[in-house]
Amino acid sequence: MDSRKVLLLVGALLVAGITALFARTVTAGSSVPQAQAVTVAAPVEPQAEILVATRTLPVGTIIDPTALKFQPWPKDMVAGAYYVRGKADIAKLQGTVLRYAITAGQPLTQGAVVSPGDRGFLAAALTPGMRAVTVPVSAQTAVAGFVFPGDRIDMVLTQDVAGGGDGPPLKVSETILRNIRVLATDQRTDNQAAEDGKTQVHTFTTVTVEATPKMAEQLAVAQTVGTLSLSLRALAERPAELASGGDPAAVAQPAIDHDSYATGADVSRYQRRTVPGRNANSAPDHGTTAMANDNSAMGRNAPAIGQATGGRSDNAGVRVARGRSVDTGSTPGAPPMGNGN
């Protein structure tokens, strides 16, 4: 055999052997199992759900459905005084009052609330320094029953002011108090819900409100002067005031107001705008004169005897009563005042 052929045959055998050895090595390496990292899940800590405040609740807050919610809580940190889901009925807490303030997310404890009928319940609902005053109302003067404990209202006083003349008295209505918090309607301090969960609307004959000591005195006098009506304030008013940079404590405070009023002439052209003038032949009435000089019965901006409201000058001047009408002495051609009957 030729030596060249022998060399080629030997070379081919060597290449085949090396290739087979390499293939075996690769095959053997791939069959070795690869170690994989195993993720071990952390043990799940048992949790319970307890009642917490949805927002900061100051002292005297009347609990409503939006004030509380159930939130997960570590089971080993659940105290016996907490309200736990399955053992507590949140509906029974509606109408209760907080003894002390709690912050948003803080658990509610059983000693933090006072239930209606408990001793000191109404006193707990009062803000420190405030008083509880009860005012008689009717369906017409109480927004047909759509006022609930916790709402904010304005107090409107309507009265007839008689002057020294023979004409009809001046009919006037004025807002005397603003932003008053309602504590109770009749003896109810909560919002009664029906079986479908909706709040029931019912009429009532009295409303108990929170007021300062001075406001309490004014409300007592106002009940003897005329008729008190409730004017319900919108829930969106106070957040809007806070968004504009108002102080939260100041926004929640009630206020005395004598700047807003309306007379009979503001609603009918046949009603008078001022207190009836005095007859020139009648004797002076010192009580009427004092009212004209002081204006204390109607507030500092109320119309005095013979004085038009809103700074108008068309009816200004001396008014002389003739029978049931009052004519203007200094303004020729002025229309007679009164109802003309």
C-alpha atoms as a PDB file:
ATOM      1  CA  MET A   1       0.000   0.000   0.000  1.00  0.00           C
ATOM      2  CA  ASP A   2       1.210   3.406  -0.760  1.00  0.00           C
ATOM      3  CA  SER A   3       2.598   5.257   2.231  1.00  0.00           C
ATOM      4  CA  ARG A   4       0.590   8.329   1.358  1.00  0.00           C
ATOM      5  CA  LYS A   5      -2.679   6.405   1.577  1.00  0.00           C
ATOM      6  CA  VAL A   6      -1.612   4.963   4.910  1.00  0.00           C
ATOM      7  CA  LEU A   7      -1.007   8.456   6.317  1.00  0.00           C
ATOM      8  CA  LEU A   8      -4.377   9.684   5.082  1.00  0.00           C
ATOM      9  CA  LEU A   9      -6.110   6.692   6.660  1.00  0.00           C
ATOM     10  CA  VAL A  10      -4.361   7.248   9.986  1.00  0.00           C
ATOM     11  CA  GLY A  11      -5.237  10.953   9.908  1.00  0.00           C
ATOM     12  CA  ALA A  12      -8.873  10.198   9.193  1.00  0.00           C
ATOM     13  CA  LEU A  13      -8.993   7.778  12.110  1.00  0.00           C
ATOM     14  CA  LEU A  14      -7.472  10.357  14.452  1.00  0.00           C
ATOM     15  CA  VAL A  15      -9.975  13.018  13.403  1.00  0.00           C
ATOM     16  CA  ALA A  16     -12.861  10.592  13.876  1.00  0.00           C
ATOM     17  CA  GLY A  17     -11.595   9.613  17.324  1.00  0.00           C
ATOM     18  CA  ILE A  18     -11.175  13.200  18.453  1.00  0.00           C
ATOM     19  CA  THR A  19     -14.660  14.084  17.183  1.00  0.00           C
ATOM     20  CA  ALA A  20     -16.209  11.114  18.972  1.00  0.00           C
ATOM     21  CA  LEU A  21     -14.409  12.002  22.204  1.00  0.00           C
ATOM     22  CA  PHE A  22     -15.574  15.621  21.993  1.00  0.00           C
ATOM     23  CA  ALA A  23     -19.161  14.590  21.297  1.00  0.00           C
ATOM     24  CA  ARG A  24     -19.146  12.224  24.263  1.00  0.00           C
ATOM     25  CA  THR A  25     -17.797  14.936  26.544  1.00  0.00           C
ATOM     26  CA  VAL A  26     -20.483  17.388  25.477  1.00  0.00           C
ATOM     27  CA  THR A  27     -23.217  14.793  25.834  1.00  0.00           C
ATOM     28  CA  ALA A  28     -22.039  13.755  29.276  1.00  0.00           C
ATOM     29  CA  GLY A  29     -21.862  17.409  30.461  1.00  0.00           C
ATOM     30  CA  SER A  30     -25.416  18.209  29.398  1.00  0.00           C
ATOM     31  CA  SER A  31     -26.822  15.262  31.323  1.00  0.00           C
ATOM     32  CA  VAL A  32     -25.594  16.653  34.662  1.00  0.00           C
ATOM     33  CA  PRO A  33     -28.628  18.190  36.557  1.00  0.00           C
ATOM     34  CA  GLN A  34     -28.419  21.950  37.000  1.00  0.00           C
ATOM     35  CA  ALA A  35     -28.989  23.382  40.465  1.00  0.00           C
ATOM     36  CA  GLN A  36     -31.934  25.859  40.538  1.00  0.00           C
ATOM     37  CA  ALA A  37     -32.716  28.501  43.145  1.00  0.00           C
ATOM     38  CA  VAL A  38     -35.964  27.790  44.995  1.00  0.00           C
ATOM     39  CA  THR A  39     -37.932  30.809  46.287  1.00  0.00           C
ATOM     40  CA  VAL A  40     -39.413  30.103  49.690  1.00  0.00           C
ATOM     41  CA  ALA A  41     -42.543  32.169  50.408  1.00  0.00           C
ATOM     42  CA  ALA A  42     -42.535  34.068  53.672  1.00  0.00           C
ATOM     43  CA  PRO A  43     -45.068  32.849  56.185  1.00  0.00           C
ATOM     44  CA  VAL A  44     -48.326  34.794  55.974  1.00  0.00           C
ATOM     45  CA  GLU A  45     -48.991  36.666  59.189  1.00  0.00           C
ATOM     46  CA  PRO A  46     -52.570  36.143  60.355  1.00  0.00           C
ATOM     47  CA  GLN A  47     -54.607  39.363  60.250  1.00  0.00           C
ATOM     48  CA  ALA A  48     -57.950  40.587  61.476  1.00  0.00           C
ATOM     49  CA  GLU A  49     -60.052  43.569  60.410  1.00  0.00           C
ATOM     50  CA  ILE A  50     -60.822  46.285  62.934  1.00  0.00           C
ATOM     51  CA  LEU A  51     -62.628  49.628  62.821  1.00  0.00           C
ATOM     52  CA  VAL A  52     -60.447  52.690  62.233  1.00  0.00           C
ATOM     53  CA  ALA A  53     -61.207  56.345  61.589  1.00  0.00           C
ATOM     54  CA  THR A  54     -61.402  57.377  57.935  1.00  0.00           C
ATOM     55  CA  ARG A  55     -60.438  60.959  58.851  1.00  0.00           C
ATOM     56  CA  THR A  56     -59.445  62.976  61.884  1.00  0.00           C
ATOM     57  CA  LEU A  57     -62.425  63.042  64.248  1.00  0.00           C
ATOM     58  CA  PRO A  58     -62.438  65.769  66.928  1.00  0.00           C
ATOM     59  CA  VAL A  59     -64.020  65.513  70.354  1.00  0.00           C
ATOM     60  CA  GLY A  60     -67.818  65.478  70.192  1.00  0.00           C
ATOM     61  CA  THR A  61     -68.032  64.111  66.648  1.00  0.00           C
ATOM     62  CA  ILE A  62     -71.317  62.342  65.945  1.00  0.00           C
ATOM     63  CA  ILE A  63     -70.426  59.057  64.232  1.00  0.00           C
ATOM     64  CA  ASP A  64     -71.946  58.559  60.776  1.00  0.00           C
ATOM     65  CA  PRO A  65     -71.381  55.803  58.153  1.00  0.00           C
ATOM     66  CA  THR A  66     -68.515  57.751  56.538  1.00  0.00           C
ATOM     67  CA  ALA A  67     -66.500  58.199  59.738  1.00  0.00           C
ATOM     68  CA  LEU A  68     -65.321  54.582  60.173  1.00  0.00           C
ATOM     69  CA  LYS A  69     -64.140  51.648  58.064  1.00  0.00           C
ATOM     70  CA  PHE A  70     -62.734  48.140  58.567  1.00  0.00           C
ATOM     71  CA  GLN A  71     -58.992  47.824  57.950  1.00  0.00           C
ATOM     72  CA  PRO A  72     -56.622  44.795  58.144  1.00  0.00           C
ATOM     73  CA  TRP A  73     -54.630  44.686  61.377  1.00  0.00           C
ATOM     74  CA  PRO A  74     -52.030  42.200  62.699  1.00  0.00           C
ATOM     75  CA  LYS A  75     -53.939  39.635  64.715  1.00  0.00           C
ATOM     76  CA  ASP A  76     -51.394  39.514  67.517  1.00  0.00           C
ATOM     77  CA  MET A  77     -51.801  43.295  67.953  1.00  0.00           C
ATOM     78  CA  VAL A  78     -55.586  43.294  68.199  1.00  0.00           C
ATOM     79  CA  ALA A  79     -56.582  44.470  71.655  1.00  0.00           C
ATOM     80  CA  GLY A  80     -59.750  43.402  73.389  1.00  0.00           C
ATOM     81  CA  ALA A  81     -61.141  46.957  73.221  1.00  0.00           C
ATOM     82  CA  TYR A  82     -61.059  47.089  69.408  1.00  0.00           C
ATOM     83  CA  TYR A  83     -64.123  46.610  67.216  1.00  0.00           C
ATOM     84  CA  VAL A  84     -63.370  43.453  65.152  1.00  0.00           C
ATOM     85  CA  ARG A  85     -65.257  42.479  61.999  1.00  0.00           C
ATOM     86  CA  GLY A  86     -67.701  39.703  62.736  1.00  0.00           C
ATOM     87  CA  LYS A  87     -68.016  40.730  66.372  1.00  0.00           C
ATOM     88  CA  ALA A  88     -68.956  44.406  65.968  1.00  0.00           C
ATOM     89  CA  ASP A  89     -71.915  45.947  64.156  1.00  0.00           C
ATOM     90  CA  ILE A  90     -70.925  49.287  62.635  1.00  0.00           C
ATOM     91  CA  ALA A  91     -74.586  50.234  62.237  1.00  0.00           C
ATOM     92  CA  LYS A  92     -74.997  50.288  66.021  1.00  0.00           C
ATOM     93  CA  LEU A  93     -72.235  52.886  66.303  1.00  0.00           C
ATOM     94  CA  GLN A  94     -74.096  55.442  64.206  1.00  0.00           C
ATOM     95  CA  GLY A  95     -75.240  58.320  66.370  1.00  0.00           C
ATOM     96  CA  THR A  96     -72.680  57.705  69.099  1.00  0.00           C
ATOM     97  CA  VAL A  97     -70.371  60.535  70.153  1.00  0.00           C
ATOM     98  CA  LEU A  98     -66.595  60.527  70.598  1.00  0.00           C
ATOM     99  CA  ARG A  99     -65.255  61.200  74.090  1.00  0.00           C
ATOM    100  CA  TYR A 100     -61.831  62.168  72.738  1.00  0.00           C
ATOM    101  CA  ALA A 101     -60.262  62.930  69.364  1.00  0.00           C
ATOM    102  CA  ILE A 102     -58.799  60.206  67.140  1.00  0.00           C
ATOM    103  CA  THR A 103     -56.651  60.654  64.039  1.00  0.00           C
ATOM    104  CA  ALA A 104     -57.146  59.133  60.597  1.00  0.00           C
ATOM    105  CA  GLY A 105     -56.266  55.417  60.591  1.00  0.00           C
ATOM    106  CA  GLN A 106     -56.332  55.136  64.384  1.00  0.00           C
ATOM    107  CA  PRO A 107     -58.356  52.205  65.783  1.00  0.00           C
ATOM    108  CA  LEU A 108     -61.616  53.001  67.541  1.00  0.00           C
ATOM    109  CA  THR A 109     -61.862  51.625  71.056  1.00  0.00           C
ATOM    110  CA  GLN A 110     -65.030  50.768  72.937  1.00  0.00           C
ATOM    111  CA  GLY A 111     -64.362  53.374  75.613  1.00  0.00           C
ATOM    112  CA  ALA A 112     -64.039  56.161  73.054  1.00  0.00           C
ATOM    113  CA  VAL A 113     -67.757  56.544  72.322  1.00  0.00           C
ATOM    114  CA  VAL A 114     -70.871  57.470  74.278  1.00  0.00           C
ATOM    115  CA  SER A 115     -74.187  55.986  73.152  1.00  0.00           C
ATOM    116  CA  PRO A 116     -77.515  57.844  73.070  1.00  0.00           C
ATOM    117  CA  GLY A 117     -79.272  57.489  76.396  1.00  0.00           C
ATOM    118  CA  ASP A 118     -76.040  57.159  78.348  1.00  0.00           C
ATOM    119  CA  ARG A 119     -75.387  59.670  81.079  1.00  0.00           C
ATOM    120  CA  GLY A 120     -73.463  62.669  79.773  1.00  0.00           C
ATOM    121  CA  PHE A 121     -74.182  61.847  76.134  1.00  0.00           C
ATOM    122  CA  LEU A 122     -75.212  65.355  75.049  1.00  0.00           C
ATOM    123  CA  ALA A 123     -72.456  66.956  77.119  1.00  0.00           C
ATOM    124  CA  ALA A 124     -69.930  64.759  75.309  1.00  0.00           C
ATOM    125  CA  ALA A 125     -71.296  65.915  71.962  1.00  0.00           C
ATOM    126  CA  LEU A 126     -70.623  69.566  72.803  1.00  0.00           C
ATOM    127  CA  THR A 127     -67.416  71.293  71.788  1.00  0.00           C
ATOM    128  CA  PRO A 128     -65.626  72.713  74.856  1.00  0.00           C
ATOM    129  CA  GLY A 129     -67.020  76.162  75.649  1.00  0.00           C
ATOM    130  CA  MET A 130     -70.248  75.634  73.688  1.00  0.00           C
ATOM    131  CA  ARG A 131     -73.849  75.241  74.821  1.00  0.00           C
ATOM    132  CA  ALA A 132     -76.816  73.134  73.672  1.00  0.00           C
ATOM    133  CA  VAL A 133     -79.978  75.095  72.836  1.00  0.00           C
ATOM    134  CA  THR A 134     -83.334  73.654  71.755  1.00  0.00           C
ATOM    135  CA  VAL A 135     -85.516  75.599  69.313  1.00  0.00           C
ATOM    136  CA  PRO A 136     -89.130  74.746  68.372  1.00  0.00           C
ATOM    137  CA  VAL A 137     -89.684  74.253  64.636  1.00  0.00           C
ATOM    138  CA  SER A 138     -92.280  72.928  62.216  1.00  0.00           C
ATOM    139  CA  ALA A 139     -92.161  71.030  58.938  1.00  0.00           C
ATOM    140  CA  GLN A 140     -92.140  74.334  57.026  1.00  0.00           C
ATOM    141  CA  THR A 141     -89.420  75.990  59.109  1.00  0.00           C
ATOM    142  CA  ALA A 142     -87.192  72.870  59.355  1.00  0.00           C
ATOM    143  CA  VAL A 143     -86.611  72.135  55.634  1.00  0.00           C
ATOM    144  CA  ALA A 144     -89.374  69.478  55.670  1.00  0.00           C
ATOM    145  CA  GLY A 145     -87.278  67.182  57.849  1.00  0.00           C
ATOM    146  CA  PHE A 146     -84.185  67.117  55.616  1.00  0.00           C
ATOM    147  CA  VAL A 147     -81.983  68.314  58.478  1.00  0.00           C
ATOM    148  CA  PHE A 148     -80.003  65.616  60.296  1.00  0.00           C
ATOM    149  CA  PRO A 149     -77.695  65.586  63.332  1.00  0.00           C
ATOM    150  CA  GLY A 150     -74.249  66.758  62.294  1.00  0.00           C
ATOM    151  CA  ASP A 151     -75.521  69.116  59.570  1.00  0.00           C
ATOM    152  CA  ARG A 152     -74.710  72.835  59.562  1.00  0.00           C
ATOM    153  CA  ILE A 153     -77.514  75.384  59.365  1.00  0.00           C
ATOM    154  CA  ASP A 154     -78.235  79.114  59.471  1.00  0.00           C
ATOM    155  CA  MET A 155     -80.895  80.599  61.741  1.00  0.00           C
ATOM    156  CA  VAL A 156     -83.377  82.994  60.087  1.00  0.00           C
ATOM    157  CA  LEU A 157     -85.680  85.212  62.195  1.00  0.00           C
ATOM    158  CA  THR A 158     -88.936  86.515  60.678  1.00  0.00           C
ATOM    159  CA  GLN A 159     -90.966  89.179  62.476  1.00  0.00           C
ATOM    160  CA  ASP A 160     -93.394  92.089  62.097  1.00  0.00           C
ATOM    161  CA  VAL A 161     -92.051  95.464  63.245  1.00  0.00           C
ATOM    162  CA  ALA A 162     -94.730  97.997  64.162  1.00  0.00           C
ATOM    163  CA  GLY A 163     -93.864 101.699  64.116  1.00  0.00           C
ATOM    164  CA  GLY A 164     -95.779 104.754  65.302  1.00  0.00           C
ATOM    165  CA  GLY A 165     -98.007 105.095  62.235  1.00  0.00           C
ATOM    166  CA  ASP A 166    -101.386 103.636  61.381  1.00  0.00           C
ATOM    167  CA  GLY A 167    -100.094 101.609  58.434  1.00  0.00           C
ATOM    168  CA  PRO A 168     -99.362  97.878  58.467  1.00  0.00           C
ATOM    169  CA  PRO A 169     -96.203  96.721  60.257  1.00  0.00           C
ATOM    170  CA  LEU A 170     -92.926  96.168  58.460  1.00  0.00           C
ATOM    171  CA  LYS A 171     -92.391  92.513  57.577  1.00  0.00           C
ATOM    172  CA  VAL A 172     -88.734  91.611  57.776  1.00  0.00           C
ATOM    173  CA  SER A 173     -86.581  88.489  57.811  1.00  0.00           C
ATOM    174  CA  GLU A 174     -82.901  88.363  58.763  1.00  0.00           C
ATOM    175  CA  THR A 175     -80.183  85.769  59.207  1.00  0.00           C
ATOM    176  CA  ILE A 176     -79.074  86.048  62.822  1.00  0.00           C
ATOM    177  CA  LEU A 177     -76.713  83.042  63.152  1.00  0.00           C
ATOM    178  CA  ARG A 178     -74.596  81.161  60.638  1.00  0.00           C
ATOM    179  CA  ASN A 179     -72.857  77.773  60.515  1.00  0.00           C
ATOM    180  CA  ILE A 180     -74.644  76.277  63.525  1.00  0.00           C
ATOM    181  CA  ARG A 181     -74.099  72.543  64.144  1.00  0.00           C
ATOM    182  CA  VAL A 182     -77.184  70.400  64.680  1.00  0.00           C
ATOM    183  CA  LEU A 183     -76.884  68.073  67.672  1.00  0.00           C
ATOM    184  CA  ALA A 184     -80.299  66.409  67.652  1.00  0.00           C
ATOM    185  CA  THR A 185     -83.744  66.494  66.071  1.00  0.00           C
ATOM    186  CA  ASP A 186     -86.363  65.832  68.733  1.00  0.00           C
ATOM    187  CA  GLN A 187     -84.593  63.176  70.839  1.00  0.00           C
ATOM    188  CA  ARG A 188     -82.722  61.586  67.916  1.00  0.00           C
ATOM    189  CA  THR A 189     -78.991  62.063  67.561  1.00  0.00           C
ATOM    190  CA  ASP A 190     -78.434  59.590  64.712  1.00  0.00           C
ATOM    191  CA  ASN A 191     -79.653  59.155  61.159  1.00  0.00           C
ATOM    192  CA  GLN A 192     -82.177  56.319  61.209  1.00  0.00           C
ATOM    193  CA  ALA A 193     -81.748  53.961  58.252  1.00  0.00           C
ATOM    194  CA  ALA A 194     -84.446  51.849  56.641  1.00  0.00           C
ATOM    195  CA  GLU A 195     -84.130  48.155  55.747  1.00  0.00           C
ATOM    196  CA  ASP A 196     -82.690  49.065  52.345  1.00  0.00           C
ATOM    197  CA  GLY A 197     -79.940  51.097  54.024  1.00  0.00           C
ATOM    198  CA  LYS A 198     -81.274  54.501  52.970  1.00  0.00           C
ATOM    199  CA  THR A 199     -81.633  57.272  55.526  1.00  0.00           C
ATOM    200  CA  GLN A 200     -85.198  57.862  56.630  1.00  0.00           C
ATOM    201  CA  VAL A 201     -86.541  61.413  56.497  1.00  0.00           C
ATOM    202  CA  HIS A 202     -88.938  62.343  59.267  1.00  0.00           C
ATOM    203  CA  THR A 203     -90.355  65.638  60.466  1.00  0.00           C
ATOM    204  CA  PHE A 204     -89.646  66.905  63.955  1.00  0.00           C
ATOM    205  CA  THR A 205     -90.907  69.614  66.303  1.00  0.00           C
ATOM    206  CA  THR A 206     -87.660  70.626  68.006  1.00  0.00           C
ATOM    207  CA  VAL A 207     -84.032  70.913  66.993  1.00  0.00           C
ATOM    208  CA  THR A 208     -81.087  71.100  69.392  1.00  0.00           C
ATOM    209  CA  VAL A 209     -78.103  73.086  68.148  1.00  0.00           C
ATOM    210  CA  GLU A 210     -74.630  73.928  69.399  1.00  0.00           C
ATOM    211  CA  ALA A 211     -74.040  77.611  70.157  1.00  0.00           C
ATOM    212  CA  THR A 212     -71.811  79.934  72.130  1.00  0.00           C
ATOM    213  CA  PRO A 213     -73.188  81.344  75.404  1.00  0.00           C
ATOM    214  CA  LYS A 214     -73.977  84.648  73.659  1.00  0.00           C
ATOM    215  CA  MET A 215     -75.758  82.859  70.819  1.00  0.00           C
ATOM    216  CA  ALA A 216     -77.769  80.873  73.352  1.00  0.00           C
ATOM    217  CA  GLU A 217     -79.040  84.147  74.829  1.00  0.00           C
ATOM    218  CA  GLN A 218     -79.893  85.487  71.383  1.00  0.00           C
ATOM    219  CA  LEU A 219     -81.806  82.337  70.452  1.00  0.00           C
ATOM    220  CA  ALA A 220     -83.811  82.541  73.677  1.00  0.00           C
ATOM    221  CA  VAL A 221     -84.847  86.119  72.872  1.00  0.00           C
ATOM    222  CA  ALA A 222     -85.433  85.392  69.174  1.00  0.00           C
ATOM    223  CA  GLN A 223     -88.065  82.780  70.049  1.00  0.00           C
ATOM    224  CA  THR A 224     -90.124  85.522  71.736  1.00  0.00           C
ATOM    225  CA  VAL A 225     -89.614  88.077  68.944  1.00  0.00           C
ATOM    226  CA  GLY A 226     -90.758  86.129  65.892  1.00  0.00           C
ATOM    227  CA  THR A 227     -90.519  82.839  64.016  1.00  0.00           C
ATOM    228  CA  LEU A 228     -87.222  80.978  63.634  1.00  0.00           C
ATOM    229  CA  SER A 229     -86.510  79.017  60.440  1.00  0.00           C
ATOM    230  CA  LEU A 230     -83.637  76.679  59.577  1.00  0.00           C
ATOM    231  CA  SER A 231     -81.583  77.213  56.435  1.00  0.00           C
ATOM    232  CA  LEU A 232     -79.533  74.119  55.535  1.00  0.00           C
ATOM    233  CA  ARG A 233     -75.935  74.760  54.463  1.00  0.00           C
ATOM    234  CA  ALA A 234     -74.243  72.781  51.681  1.00  0.00           C
ATOM    235  CA  LEU A 235     -71.640  70.172  52.584  1.00  0.00           C
ATOM    236  CA  ALA A 236     -69.346  71.540  49.870  1.00  0.00           C
ATOM    237  CA  GLU A 237     -69.092  75.006  51.414  1.00  0.00           C
ATOM    238  CA  ARG A 238     -66.560  74.210  54.112  1.00  0.00           C
ATOM    239  CA  PRO A 239     -64.146  72.192  51.891  1.00  0.00           C
ATOM    240  CA  ALA A 240     -64.203  75.093  49.428  1.00  0.00           C
ATOM    241  CA  GLU A 241     -63.322  77.503  52.210  1.00  0.00           C
ATOM    242  CA  LEU A 242     -60.507  75.237  53.351  1.00  0.00           C
ATOM    243  CA  ALA A 243     -59.180  74.960  49.788  1.00  0.00           C
ATOM    244  CA  SER A 244     -58.954  78.752  49.636  1.00  0.00           C
ATOM    245  CA  GLY A 245     -56.601  78.786  52.604  1.00  0.00           C
ATOM    246  CA  GLY A 246     -59.078  79.096  55.462  1.00  0.00           C
ATOM    247  CA  ASP A 247     -58.281  77.977  58.982  1.00  0.00           C
ATOM    248  CA  PRO A 248     -60.049  74.642  59.706  1.00  0.00           C
ATOM    249  CA  ALA A 249     -60.873  75.715  63.262  1.00  0.00           C
ATOM    250  CA  ALA A 250     -62.265  79.062  62.111  1.00  0.00           C
ATOM    251  CA  VAL A 251     -64.339  77.526  59.323  1.00  0.00           C
ATOM    252  CA  ALA A 252     -66.054  75.166  61.780  1.00  0.00           C
ATOM    253  CA  GLN A 253     -67.004  77.964  64.174  1.00  0.00           C
ATOM    254  CA  PRO A 254     -70.535  79.423  64.209  1.00  0.00           C
ATOM    255  CA  ALA A 255     -70.912  83.156  63.664  1.00  0.00           C
ATOM    256  CA  ILE A 256     -73.335  85.952  64.549  1.00  0.00           C
ATOM    257  CA  ASP A 257     -74.672  87.812  61.520  1.00  0.00           C
ATOM    258  CA  HIS A 258     -76.958  90.860  61.240  1.00  0.00           C
ATOM    259  CA  ASP A 259     -75.835  92.052  57.794  1.00  0.00           C
ATOM    260  CA  SER A 260     -78.261  89.981  55.702  1.00  0.00           C
ATOM    261  CA  TYR A 261     -81.978  90.804  55.804  1.00  0.00           C
ATOM    262  CA  ALA A 262     -84.982  91.302  53.541  1.00  0.00           C
ATOM    263  CA  THR A 263     -88.136  93.387  53.952  1.00  0.00           C
ATOM    264  CA  GLY A 264     -91.613  92.970  52.544  1.00  0.00           C
ATOM    265  CA  ALA A 265     -90.813  95.419  49.749  1.00  0.00           C
ATOM    266  CA  ASP A 266     -88.044  93.087  48.537  1.00  0.00           C
ATOM    267  CA  VAL A 267     -90.638  90.461  47.603  1.00  0.00           C
ATOM    268  CA  SER A 268     -93.717  92.560  46.793  1.00  0.00           C
ATOM    269  CA  ARG A 269     -94.180  96.105  45.517  1.00  0.00           C
ATOM    270  CA  TYR A 270     -97.276  96.400  47.697  1.00  0.00           C
ATOM    271  CA  GLN A 271     -95.340  95.881  50.927  1.00  0.00           C
ATOM    272  CA  ARG A 272     -93.499  98.614  52.778  1.00  0.00           C
ATOM    273  CA  ARG A 273     -89.749  99.007  52.975  1.00  0.00           C
ATOM    274  CA  THR A 274     -89.519 100.917  56.251  1.00  0.00           C
ATOM    275  CA  VAL A 275     -91.082 100.931  59.687  1.00  0.00           C
ATOM    276  CA  PRO A 276     -94.437 102.826  59.593  1.00  0.00           C
ATOM    277  CA  GLY A 277     -93.996 106.555  60.209  1.00  0.00           C
ATOM    278  CA  ARG A 278     -95.598 108.430  63.073  1.00  0.00           C
ATOM    279  CA  ASN A 279     -98.793 110.447  62.703  1.00  0.00           C
ATOM    280  CA  ALA A 280     -98.026 114.134  63.117  1.00  0.00           C
ATOM    281  CA  ASN A 281    -100.926 114.556  65.590  1.00  0.00           C
ATOM    282  CA  SER A 282    -100.063 111.578  67.767  1.00  0.00           C
ATOM    283  CA  ALA A 283     -98.098 111.772  70.986  1.00  0.00           C
ATOM    284  CA  PRO A 284     -94.441 110.727  70.865  1.00  0.00           C
ATOM    285  CA  ASP A 285     -93.732 107.110  71.665  1.00  0.00           C
ATOM    286  CA  HIS A 286     -90.494 106.921  73.601  1.00  0.00           C
ATOM    287  CA  GLY A 287     -90.166 103.199  72.946  1.00  0.00           C
ATOM    288  CA  THR A 288     -90.376 103.704  69.166  1.00  0.00           C
ATOM    289  CA  THR A 289     -87.949 106.625  69.344  1.00  0.00           C
ATOM    290  CA  ALA A 290     -85.459 104.479  71.223  1.00  0.00           C
ATOM    291  CA  MET A 291     -85.794 101.742  68.603  1.00  0.00           C
ATOM    292  CA  ALA A 292     -85.187 104.244  65.818  1.00  0.00           C
ATOM    293  CA  ASN A 293     -82.066 105.582  67.533  1.00  0.00           C
ATOM    294  CA  ASP A 294     -80.640 102.239  68.543  1.00  0.00           C
ATOM    295  CA  ASN A 295     -81.796  99.798  65.843  1.00  0.00           C
ATOM    296  CA  SER A 296     -80.916  97.029  68.275  1.00  0.00           C
ATOM    297  CA  ALA A 297     -83.995  94.972  67.395  1.00  0.00           C
ATOM    298  CA  MET A 298     -82.982  94.651  63.744  1.00  0.00           C
ATOM    299  CA  GLY A 299     -79.190  94.811  63.907  1.00  0.00           C
ATOM    300  CA  ARG A 300     -76.872  97.691  63.164  1.00  0.00           C
ATOM    301  CA  ASN A 301     -77.732  97.794  59.435  1.00  0.00           C
ATOM    302  CA  ALA A 302     -81.519  97.392  59.773  1.00  0.00           C
ATOM    303  CA  PRO A 303     -83.895 100.030  58.395  1.00  0.00           C
ATOM    304  CA  ALA A 304     -84.899 102.641  60.947  1.00  0.00           C
ATOM    305  CA  ILE A 305     -88.265 104.402  61.075  1.00  0.00           C
ATOM    306  CA  GLY A 306     -88.693 106.240  57.803  1.00  0.00           C
ATOM    307  CA  GLN A 307     -85.318 105.056  56.465  1.00  0.00           C
ATOM    308  CA  ALA A 308     -85.160 103.073  53.221  1.00  0.00           C
ATOM    309  CA  THR A 309     -82.973  99.995  52.893  1.00  0.00           C
ATOM    310  CA  GLY A 310     -79.973  99.606  50.641  1.00  0.00           C
ATOM    311  CA  GLY A 311     -79.054 103.307  50.807  1.00  0.00           C
ATOM    312  CA  ARG A 312     -81.880 104.354  48.472  1.00  0.00           C
ATOM    313  CA  SER A 313     -82.817 108.042  48.374  1.00  0.00           C
ATOM    314  CA  ASP A 314     -85.978 107.913  46.248  1.00  0.00           C
ATOM    315  CA  ASN A 315     -88.226 107.554  49.294  1.00  0.00           C
ATOM    316  CA  ALA A 316     -86.129 109.609  51.710  1.00  0.00           C
ATOM    317  CA  GLY A 317     -87.606 112.439  53.764  1.00  0.00           C
ATOM    318  CA  VAL A 318     -90.264 112.979  56.390  1.00  0.00           C
ATOM    319  CA  ARG A 319     -93.111 110.469  56.261  1.00  0.00           C
ATOM    320  CA  VAL A 320     -96.597 111.521  57.391  1.00  0.00           C
ATOM    321  CA  ALA A 321     -99.259 108.898  58.141  1.00  0.00           C
ATOM    322  CA  ARG A 322    -102.733 109.626  56.774  1.00  0.00           C
ATOM    323  CA  GLY A 323    -105.162 106.877  57.598  1.00  0.00           C
ATOM    324  CA  ARG A 324    -103.657 103.637  56.248  1.00  0.00           C
ATOM    325  CA  SER A 325    -101.093 105.234  53.956  1.00  0.00           C
ATOM    326  CA  VAL A 326     -97.886 107.123  54.603  1.00  0.00           C
ATOM    327  CA  ASP A 327     -96.855 109.936  52.215  1.00  0.00           C
ATOM    328  CA  THR A 328     -93.418 111.429  51.772  1.00  0.00           C
ATOM    329  CA  GLY A 329     -93.360 115.089  52.715  1.00  0.00           C
ATOM    330  CA  SER A 330     -90.105 116.082  51.026  1.00  0.00           C
ATOM    331  CA  THR A 331     -90.459 114.165  47.760  1.00  0.00           C
ATOM    332  CA  PRO A 332     -93.269 115.504  45.534  1.00  0.00           C
ATOM    333  CA  GLY A 333     -95.284 112.877  43.722  1.00  0.00           C
ATOM    334  CA  ALA A 334     -93.928 109.990  45.780  1.00  0.00           C
ATOM    335  CA  PRO A 335     -96.258 106.974  45.821  1.00  0.00           C
ATOM    336  CA  PRO A 336     -98.125 106.276  49.053  1.00  0.00           C
ATOM    337  CA  MET A 337     -96.586 103.661  51.309  1.00  0.00           C
ATOM    338  CA  GLY A 338     -98.499 100.719  52.758  1.00  0.00           C
ATOM    339  CA  ASN A 339    -100.909  98.318  51.173  1.00  0.00           C
ATOM    340  CA  GLY A 340    -103.405 101.024  50.288  1.00  0.00           C
ATOM    341  CA  ASN A 341    -106.351  99.152  51.739  1.00  0.00           C
END
